[in-house]
Amino acid sequence: MSLMNPPIDELLGKADNDRFLLCAVASERARDINDMMRGQRDRALALQSATQIAQLAGRKPLSLAMEEIARDEVGYDHQKFDEEIS
């Protein structure tokens, strides 16, 4: 039984079983989500109800990033990643 959802084994499978790669991809996506949430607040207020915004705001960007990775909505460029660590 896993306390984490999505399960870590599933997430590692999306990152070539490399926990450091998973961490790097998830943290970069979480930063993007955080920036979008901050930058789009005024626009979101015009488009969504306060209840919908509160539901999204209650979610942590890293949790959203992990869920996106599990759904294959976020990936990474293998060549770029290999160049950055070399």
PDB file of N, CA and C in Angstrom:
ATOM      1  N   MET A   1       0.842  -1.183   0.000  1.00  0.00           N
ATOM      2  CA  MET A   1       0.000   0.000   0.000  1.00  0.00           C
ATOM      3  C   MET A   1       0.883   1.240   0.000  1.00  0.00           C
ATOM      4  N   SER A   2       0.586   2.150  -0.873  1.00  0.00           N
ATOM      5  CA  SER A   2       1.371   3.376  -0.989  1.00  0.00           C
ATOM      6  C   SER A   2       0.593   4.549  -0.409  1.00  0.00           C
ATOM      7  N   LEU A   3       1.282   5.365   0.360  1.00  0.00           N
ATOM      8  CA  LEU A   3       0.653   6.558   0.898  1.00  0.00           C
ATOM      9  C   LEU A   3       0.681   7.692  -0.110  1.00  0.00           C
ATOM     10  N   MET A   4       1.533   7.560  -1.097  1.00  0.00           N
ATOM     11  CA  MET A   4       1.689   8.601  -2.100  1.00  0.00           C
ATOM     12  C   MET A   4       0.815   8.287  -3.301  1.00  0.00           C
ATOM     13  N   ASN A   5       0.150   9.301  -3.803  1.00  0.00           N
ATOM     14  CA  ASN A   5      -0.657   9.117  -4.988  1.00  0.00           C
ATOM     15  C   ASN A   5      -0.310  10.204  -5.974  1.00  0.00           C
ATOM     16  N   PRO A   6       0.184   9.924  -7.154  1.00  0.00           N
ATOM     17  CA  PRO A   6       0.418   8.610  -7.743  1.00  0.00           C
ATOM     18  C   PRO A   6       1.597   7.896  -7.077  1.00  0.00           C
ATOM     19  N   PRO A   7       1.600   6.563  -7.139  1.00  0.00           N
ATOM     20  CA  PRO A   7       2.664   5.776  -6.501  1.00  0.00           C
ATOM     21  C   PRO A   7       4.049   6.097  -7.077  1.00  0.00           C
ATOM     22  N   ILE A   8       5.035   6.082  -6.219  1.00  0.00           N
ATOM     23  CA  ILE A   8       6.397   6.439  -6.620  1.00  0.00           C
ATOM     24  C   ILE A   8       6.927   5.503  -7.697  1.00  0.00           C
ATOM     25  N   ASP A   9       6.559   4.234  -7.645  1.00  0.00           N
ATOM     26  CA  ASP A   9       7.021   3.284  -8.672  1.00  0.00           C
ATOM     27  C   ASP A   9       6.521   3.685 -10.055  1.00  0.00           C
ATOM     28  N   GLU A  10       5.285   4.139 -10.129  1.00  0.00           N
ATOM     29  CA  GLU A  10       4.720   4.591 -11.397  1.00  0.00           C
ATOM     30  C   GLU A  10       5.458   5.837 -11.885  1.00  0.00           C
ATOM     31  N   LEU A  11       5.744   6.770 -10.977  1.00  0.00           N
ATOM     32  CA  LEU A  11       6.448   7.993 -11.355  1.00  0.00           C
ATOM     33  C   LEU A  11       7.873   7.705 -11.802  1.00  0.00           C
ATOM     34  N   LEU A  12       8.558   6.809 -11.105  1.00  0.00           N
ATOM     35  CA  LEU A  12       9.925   6.465 -11.494  1.00  0.00           C
ATOM     36  C   LEU A  12       9.971   5.842 -12.883  1.00  0.00           C
ATOM     37  N   GLY A  13       8.947   5.065 -13.209  1.00  0.00           N
ATOM     38  CA  GLY A  13       8.873   4.463 -14.541  1.00  0.00           C
ATOM     39  C   GLY A  13       8.799   5.507 -15.642  1.00  0.00           C
ATOM     40  N   LYS A  14       8.257   6.665 -15.331  1.00  0.00           N
ATOM     41  CA  LYS A  14       8.144   7.755 -16.313  1.00  0.00           C
ATOM     42  C   LYS A  14       9.452   8.531 -16.455  1.00  0.00           C
ATOM     43  N   ALA A  15      10.396   8.286 -15.526  1.00  0.00           N
ATOM     44  CA  ALA A  15      11.674   9.014 -15.525  1.00  0.00           C
ATOM     45  C   ALA A  15      12.857   8.054 -15.601  1.00  0.00           C
ATOM     46  N   ASP A  16      12.707   7.000 -16.375  1.00  0.00           N
ATOM     47  CA  ASP A  16      13.786   6.026 -16.581  1.00  0.00           C
ATOM     48  C   ASP A  16      14.326   5.467 -15.268  1.00  0.00           C
ATOM     49  N   ASN A  17      13.473   5.327 -14.272  1.00  0.00           N
ATOM     50  CA  ASN A  17      13.837   4.811 -12.942  1.00  0.00           C
ATOM     51  C   ASN A  17      14.967   5.598 -12.295  1.00  0.00           C
ATOM     52  N   ASP A  18      15.023   6.881 -12.590  1.00  0.00           N
ATOM     53  CA  ASP A  18      16.051   7.768 -12.038  1.00  0.00           C
ATOM     54  C   ASP A  18      15.376   8.771 -11.106  1.00  0.00           C
ATOM     55  N   ARG A  19      15.528   8.585  -9.812  1.00  0.00           N
ATOM     56  CA  ARG A  19      14.831   9.455  -8.853  1.00  0.00           C
ATOM     57  C   ARG A  19      15.313  10.896  -8.934  1.00  0.00           C
ATOM     58  N   PHE A  20      16.578  11.105  -9.320  1.00  0.00           N
ATOM     59  CA  PHE A  20      17.089  12.468  -9.451  1.00  0.00           C
ATOM     60  C   PHE A  20      16.478  13.157 -10.667  1.00  0.00           C
ATOM     61  N   LEU A  21      16.302  12.416 -11.743  1.00  0.00           N
ATOM     62  CA  LEU A  21      15.648  12.948 -12.933  1.00  0.00           C
ATOM     63  C   LEU A  21      14.190  13.286 -12.620  1.00  0.00           C
ATOM     64  N   LEU A  22      13.512  12.391 -11.926  1.00  0.00           N
ATOM     65  CA  LEU A  22      12.128  12.640 -11.529  1.00  0.00           C
ATOM     66  C   LEU A  22      12.038  13.918 -10.705  1.00  0.00           C
ATOM     67  N   CYS A  23      12.938  14.076  -9.766  1.00  0.00           N
ATOM     68  CA  CYS A  23      12.958  15.270  -8.919  1.00  0.00           C
ATOM     69  C   CYS A  23      13.179  16.528  -9.757  1.00  0.00           C
ATOM     70  N   ALA A  24      14.108  16.472 -10.701  1.00  0.00           N
ATOM     71  CA  ALA A  24      14.420  17.635 -11.540  1.00  0.00           C
ATOM     72  C   ALA A  24      13.231  18.006 -12.422  1.00  0.00           C
ATOM     73  N   VAL A  25      12.608  17.023 -13.052  1.00  0.00           N
ATOM     74  CA  VAL A  25      11.475  17.289 -13.936  1.00  0.00           C
ATOM     75  C   VAL A  25      10.286  17.821 -13.127  1.00  0.00           C
ATOM     76  N   ALA A  26      10.004  17.182 -12.002  1.00  0.00           N
ATOM     77  CA  ALA A  26       8.870  17.599 -11.176  1.00  0.00           C
ATOM     78  C   ALA A  26       9.079  18.995 -10.592  1.00  0.00           C
ATOM     79  N   SER A  27      10.290  19.286 -10.150  1.00  0.00           N
ATOM     80  CA  SER A  27      10.514  20.605  -9.546  1.00  0.00           C
ATOM     81  C   SER A  27      10.443  21.713 -10.584  1.00  0.00           C
ATOM     82  N   GLU A  28      10.945  21.449 -11.797  1.00  0.00           N
ATOM     83  CA  GLU A  28      10.859  22.460 -12.847  1.00  0.00           C
ATOM     84  C   GLU A  28       9.399  22.713 -13.229  1.00  0.00           C
ATOM     85  N   ARG A  29       8.628  21.644 -13.348  1.00  0.00           N
ATOM     86  CA  ARG A  29       7.209  21.807 -13.686  1.00  0.00           C
ATOM     87  C   ARG A  29       6.464  22.509 -12.551  1.00  0.00           C
ATOM     88  N   ALA A  30       6.792  22.180 -11.301  1.00  0.00           N
ATOM     89  CA  ALA A  30       6.148  22.830 -10.154  1.00  0.00           C
ATOM     90  C   ALA A  30       6.442  24.332 -10.144  1.00  0.00           C
ATOM     91  N   ARG A  31       7.671  24.709 -10.500  1.00  0.00           N
ATOM     92  CA  ARG A  31       7.998  26.140 -10.594  1.00  0.00           C
ATOM     93  C   ARG A  31       7.164  26.810 -11.678  1.00  0.00           C
ATOM     94  N   ASP A  32       7.004  26.128 -12.805  1.00  0.00           N
ATOM     95  CA  ASP A  32       6.179  26.676 -13.886  1.00  0.00           C
ATOM     96  C   ASP A  32       4.728  26.860 -13.424  1.00  0.00           C
ATOM     97  N   ILE A  33       4.205  25.856 -12.743  1.00  0.00           N
ATOM     98  CA  ILE A  33       2.829  25.930 -12.241  1.00  0.00           C
ATOM     99  C   ILE A  33       2.694  27.081 -11.252  1.00  0.00           C
ATOM    100  N   ASN A  34       3.649  27.199 -10.350  1.00  0.00           N
ATOM    101  CA  ASN A  34       3.618  28.272  -9.356  1.00  0.00           C
ATOM    102  C   ASN A  34       3.651  29.637 -10.033  1.00  0.00           C
ATOM    103  N   ASP A  35       4.513  29.795 -11.023  1.00  0.00           N
ATOM    104  CA  ASP A  35       4.583  31.057 -11.765  1.00  0.00           C
ATOM    105  C   ASP A  35       3.266  31.361 -12.474  1.00  0.00           C
ATOM    106  N   MET A  36       2.669  30.322 -13.068  1.00  0.00           N
ATOM    107  CA  MET A  36       1.394  30.522 -13.761  1.00  0.00           C
ATOM    108  C   MET A  36       0.301  30.914 -12.780  1.00  0.00           C
ATOM    109  N   MET A  37       0.277  30.265 -11.621  1.00  0.00           N
ATOM    110  CA  MET A  37      -0.745  30.578 -10.628  1.00  0.00           C
ATOM    111  C   MET A  37      -0.604  32.015 -10.139  1.00  0.00           C
ATOM    112  N   ARG A  38       0.600  32.464  -9.962  1.00  0.00           N
ATOM    113  CA  ARG A  38       0.817  33.842  -9.522  1.00  0.00           C
ATOM    114  C   ARG A  38       0.478  34.830 -10.628  1.00  0.00           C
ATOM    115  N   GLY A  39       0.938  34.547 -11.830  1.00  0.00           N
ATOM    116  CA  GLY A  39       0.765  35.475 -12.940  1.00  0.00           C
ATOM    117  C   GLY A  39      -0.637  35.524 -13.501  1.00  0.00           C
ATOM    118  N   GLN A  40      -1.375  34.442 -13.328  1.00  0.00           N
ATOM    119  CA  GLN A  40      -2.707  34.359 -13.923  1.00  0.00           C
ATOM    120  C   GLN A  40      -3.829  34.615 -12.919  1.00  0.00           C
ATOM    121  N   ARG A  41      -3.481  35.029 -11.706  1.00  0.00           N
ATOM    122  CA  ARG A  41      -4.500  35.203 -10.667  1.00  0.00           C
ATOM    123  C   ARG A  41      -5.603  36.163 -11.110  1.00  0.00           C
ATOM    124  N   ASP A  42      -5.224  37.331 -11.617  1.00  0.00           N
ATOM    125  CA  ASP A  42      -6.230  38.311 -12.021  1.00  0.00           C
ATOM    126  C   ASP A  42      -7.077  37.797 -13.177  1.00  0.00           C
ATOM    127  N   ARG A  43      -6.432  37.158 -14.124  1.00  0.00           N
ATOM    128  CA  ARG A  43      -7.162  36.600 -15.265  1.00  0.00           C
ATOM    129  C   ARG A  43      -8.089  35.485 -14.799  1.00  0.00           C
ATOM    130  N   ALA A  44      -7.602  34.659 -13.879  1.00  0.00           N
ATOM    131  CA  ALA A  44      -8.412  33.549 -13.377  1.00  0.00           C
ATOM    132  C   ALA A  44      -9.652  34.059 -12.650  1.00  0.00           C
ATOM    133  N   LEU A  45      -9.509  35.148 -11.911  1.00  0.00           N
ATOM    134  CA  LEU A  45     -10.661  35.697 -11.205  1.00  0.00           C
ATOM    135  C   LEU A  45     -11.754  36.126 -12.180  1.00  0.00           C
ATOM    136  N   ALA A  46     -11.359  36.575 -13.353  1.00  0.00           N
ATOM    137  CA  ALA A  46     -12.333  36.986 -14.361  1.00  0.00           C
ATOM    138  C   ALA A  46     -12.994  35.789 -15.042  1.00  0.00           C
ATOM    139  N   LEU A  47     -12.304  34.646 -15.082  1.00  0.00           N
ATOM    140  CA  LEU A  47     -12.800  33.487 -15.825  1.00  0.00           C
ATOM    141  C   LEU A  47     -13.438  32.405 -14.960  1.00  0.00           C
ATOM    142  N   GLN A  48     -13.048  32.324 -13.689  1.00  0.00           N
ATOM    143  CA  GLN A  48     -13.515  31.232 -12.836  1.00  0.00           C
ATOM    144  C   GLN A  48     -14.145  31.787 -11.571  1.00  0.00           C
ATOM    145  N   SER A  49     -14.949  30.949 -10.954  1.00  0.00           N
ATOM    146  CA  SER A  49     -15.557  31.361  -9.689  1.00  0.00           C
ATOM    147  C   SER A  49     -14.520  31.271  -8.581  1.00  0.00           C
ATOM    148  N   ALA A  50     -14.776  31.954  -7.499  1.00  0.00           N
ATOM    149  CA  ALA A  50     -13.871  31.939  -6.356  1.00  0.00           C
ATOM    150  C   ALA A  50     -13.715  30.529  -5.795  1.00  0.00           C
ATOM    151  N   THR A  51     -14.753  29.727  -5.852  1.00  0.00           N
ATOM    152  CA  THR A  51     -14.693  28.347  -5.349  1.00  0.00           C
ATOM    153  C   THR A  51     -13.718  27.516  -6.175  1.00  0.00           C
ATOM    154  N   GLN A  52     -13.771  27.648  -7.497  1.00  0.00           N
ATOM    155  CA  GLN A  52     -12.858  26.895  -8.366  1.00  0.00           C
ATOM    156  C   GLN A  52     -11.415  27.312  -8.116  1.00  0.00           C
ATOM    157  N   ILE A  53     -11.184  28.585  -7.958  1.00  0.00           N
ATOM    158  CA  ILE A  53      -9.831  29.071  -7.709  1.00  0.00           C
ATOM    159  C   ILE A  53      -9.329  28.569  -6.365  1.00  0.00           C
ATOM    160  N   ALA A  54     -10.181  28.574  -5.366  1.00  0.00           N
ATOM    161  CA  ALA A  54      -9.788  28.092  -4.038  1.00  0.00           C
ATOM    162  C   ALA A  54      -9.411  26.619  -4.076  1.00  0.00           C
ATOM    163  N   GLN A  55     -10.124  25.836  -4.882  1.00  0.00           N
ATOM    164  CA  GLN A  55      -9.798  24.414  -4.996  1.00  0.00           C
ATOM    165  C   GLN A  55      -8.419  24.227  -5.618  1.00  0.00           C
ATOM    166  N   LEU A  56      -8.098  25.002  -6.649  1.00  0.00           N
ATOM    167  CA  LEU A  56      -6.777  24.910  -7.268  1.00  0.00           C
ATOM    168  C   LEU A  56      -5.702  25.452  -6.345  1.00  0.00           C
ATOM    169  N   ALA A  57      -5.988  26.537  -5.681  1.00  0.00           N
ATOM    170  CA  ALA A  57      -5.001  27.151  -4.799  1.00  0.00           C
ATOM    171  C   ALA A  57      -4.670  26.249  -3.623  1.00  0.00           C
ATOM    172  N   GLY A  58      -5.593  25.385  -3.249  1.00  0.00           N
ATOM    173  CA  GLY A  58      -5.360  24.476  -2.137  1.00  0.00           C
ATOM    174  C   GLY A  58      -4.434  23.325  -2.495  1.00  0.00           C
ATOM    175  N   ARG A  59      -4.167  23.143  -3.759  1.00  0.00           N
ATOM    176  CA  ARG A  59      -3.295  22.075  -4.233  1.00  0.00           C
ATOM    177  C   ARG A  59      -1.878  22.598  -4.325  1.00  0.00           C
ATOM    178  N   LYS A  60      -0.945  21.818  -3.927  1.00  0.00           N
ATOM    179  CA  LYS A  60       0.458  22.212  -4.002  1.00  0.00           C
ATOM    180  C   LYS A  60       0.971  22.006  -5.432  1.00  0.00           C
ATOM    181  N   PRO A  61       1.779  22.952  -5.937  1.00  0.00           N
ATOM    182  CA  PRO A  61       2.293  22.828  -7.309  1.00  0.00           C
ATOM    183  C   PRO A  61       3.051  21.524  -7.545  1.00  0.00           C
ATOM    184  N   LEU A  62       3.787  21.032  -6.545  1.00  0.00           N
ATOM    185  CA  LEU A  62       4.532  19.784  -6.727  1.00  0.00           C
ATOM    186  C   LEU A  62       3.579  18.599  -6.887  1.00  0.00           C
ATOM    187  N   SER A  63       2.478  18.593  -6.154  1.00  0.00           N
ATOM    188  CA  SER A  63       1.487  17.522  -6.302  1.00  0.00           C
ATOM    189  C   SER A  63       0.881  17.546  -7.694  1.00  0.00           C
ATOM    190  N   LEU A  64       0.558  18.744  -8.180  1.00  0.00           N
ATOM    191  CA  LEU A  64       0.016  18.868  -9.535  1.00  0.00           C
ATOM    192  C   LEU A  64       1.035  18.382 -10.562  1.00  0.00           C
ATOM    193  N   ALA A  65       2.303  18.733 -10.364  1.00  0.00           N
ATOM    194  CA  ALA A  65       3.359  18.310 -11.288  1.00  0.00           C
ATOM    195  C   ALA A  65       3.490  16.785 -11.315  1.00  0.00           C
ATOM    196  N   MET A  66       3.467  16.156 -10.161  1.00  0.00           N
ATOM    197  CA  MET A  66       3.584  14.686 -10.094  1.00  0.00           C
ATOM    198  C   MET A  66       2.403  14.022 -10.796  1.00  0.00           C
ATOM    199  N   GLU A  67       1.200  14.578 -10.614  1.00  0.00           N
ATOM    200  CA  GLU A  67       0.035  14.008 -11.278  1.00  0.00           C
ATOM    201  C   GLU A  67       0.158  14.156 -12.792  1.00  0.00           C
ATOM    202  N   GLU A  68       0.673  15.290 -13.263  1.00  0.00           N
ATOM    203  CA  GLU A  68       0.869  15.490 -14.695  1.00  0.00           C
ATOM    204  C   GLU A  68       1.907  14.520 -15.251  1.00  0.00           C
ATOM    205  N   ILE A  69       2.964  14.266 -14.498  1.00  0.00           N
ATOM    206  CA  ILE A  69       3.985  13.294 -14.926  1.00  0.00           C
ATOM    207  C   ILE A  69       3.362  11.907 -15.040  1.00  0.00           C
ATOM    208  N   ALA A  70       2.563  11.526 -14.069  1.00  0.00           N
ATOM    209  CA  ALA A  70       1.921  10.210 -14.080  1.00  0.00           C
ATOM    210  C   ALA A  70       0.989  10.048 -15.283  1.00  0.00           C
ATOM    211  N   ARG A  71       0.355  11.145 -15.711  1.00  0.00           N
ATOM    212  CA  ARG A  71      -0.561  11.102 -16.864  1.00  0.00           C
ATOM    213  C   ARG A  71       0.163  11.315 -18.190  1.00  0.00           C
ATOM    214  N   ASP A  72       1.496  11.343 -18.163  1.00  0.00           N
ATOM    215  CA  ASP A  72       2.315  11.562 -19.366  1.00  0.00           C
ATOM    216  C   ASP A  72       2.051  12.911 -20.025  1.00  0.00           C
ATOM    217  N   GLU A  73       1.666  13.898 -19.232  1.00  0.00           N
ATOM    218  CA  GLU A  73       1.441  15.242 -19.755  1.00  0.00           C
ATOM    219  C   GLU A  73       2.715  16.081 -19.682  1.00  0.00           C
ATOM    220  N   VAL A  74       3.709  15.595 -18.959  1.00  0.00           N
ATOM    221  CA  VAL A  74       4.982  16.293 -18.798  1.00  0.00           C
ATOM    222  C   VAL A  74       6.088  15.302 -19.108  1.00  0.00           C
ATOM    223  N   GLY A  75       7.042  15.741 -19.876  1.00  0.00           N
ATOM    224  CA  GLY A  75       8.185  14.907 -20.206  1.00  0.00           C
ATOM    225  C   GLY A  75       9.448  15.748 -20.167  1.00  0.00           C
ATOM    226  N   TYR A  76      10.491  15.218 -20.738  1.00  0.00           N
ATOM    227  CA  TYR A  76      11.760  15.939 -20.756  1.00  0.00           C
ATOM    228  C   TYR A  76      12.527  15.558 -22.011  1.00  0.00           C
ATOM    229  N   ASP A  77      13.449  16.414 -22.379  1.00  0.00           N
ATOM    230  CA  ASP A  77      14.303  16.209 -23.544  1.00  0.00           C
ATOM    231  C   ASP A  77      15.546  15.448 -23.077  1.00  0.00           C
ATOM    232  N   HIS A  78      15.674  14.189 -23.486  1.00  0.00           N
ATOM    233  CA  HIS A  78      16.793  13.346 -23.047  1.00  0.00           C
ATOM    234  C   HIS A  78      18.141  13.997 -23.363  1.00  0.00           C
ATOM    235  N   GLN A  79      18.291  14.516 -24.566  1.00  0.00           N
ATOM    236  CA  GLN A  79      19.566  15.096 -24.990  1.00  0.00           C
ATOM    237  C   GLN A  79      19.904  16.335 -24.152  1.00  0.00           C
ATOM    238  N   LYS A  80      18.931  17.210 -23.932  1.00  0.00           N
ATOM    239  CA  LYS A  80      19.161  18.414 -23.134  1.00  0.00           C
ATOM    240  C   LYS A  80      19.544  18.044 -21.704  1.00  0.00           C
ATOM    241  N   PHE A  81      18.849  17.068 -21.136  1.00  0.00           N
ATOM    242  CA  PHE A  81      19.138  16.652 -19.765  1.00  0.00           C
ATOM    243  C   PHE A  81      20.558  16.090 -19.667  1.00  0.00           C
ATOM    244  N   ASP A  82      20.952  15.256 -20.637  1.00  0.00           N
ATOM    245  CA  ASP A  82      22.294  14.669 -20.612  1.00  0.00           C
ATOM    246  C   ASP A  82      23.373  15.747 -20.734  1.00  0.00           C
ATOM    247  N   GLU A  83      23.115  16.784 -21.540  1.00  0.00           N
ATOM    248  CA  GLU A  83      24.082  17.878 -21.693  1.00  0.00           C
ATOM    249  C   GLU A  83      24.227  18.695 -20.414  1.00  0.00           C
ATOM    250  N   GLU A  84      23.111  18.888 -19.685  1.00  0.00           N
ATOM    251  CA  GLU A  84      23.133  19.700 -18.464  1.00  0.00           C
ATOM    252  C   GLU A  84      23.907  19.017 -17.349  1.00  0.00           C
ATOM    253  N   ILE A  85      23.885  17.679 -17.303  1.00  0.00           N
ATOM    254  CA  ILE A  85      24.597  17.007 -16.215  1.00  0.00           C
ATOM    255  C   ILE A  85      26.032  16.688 -16.576  1.00  0.00           C
ATOM    256  N   SER A  86      26.408  16.886 -17.830  1.00  0.00           N
ATOM    257  CA  SER A  86      27.781  16.606 -18.251  1.00  0.00           C
ATOM    258  C   SER A  86      28.702  17.771 -17.979  1.00  0.00           C
TER     259      SER A  86
END
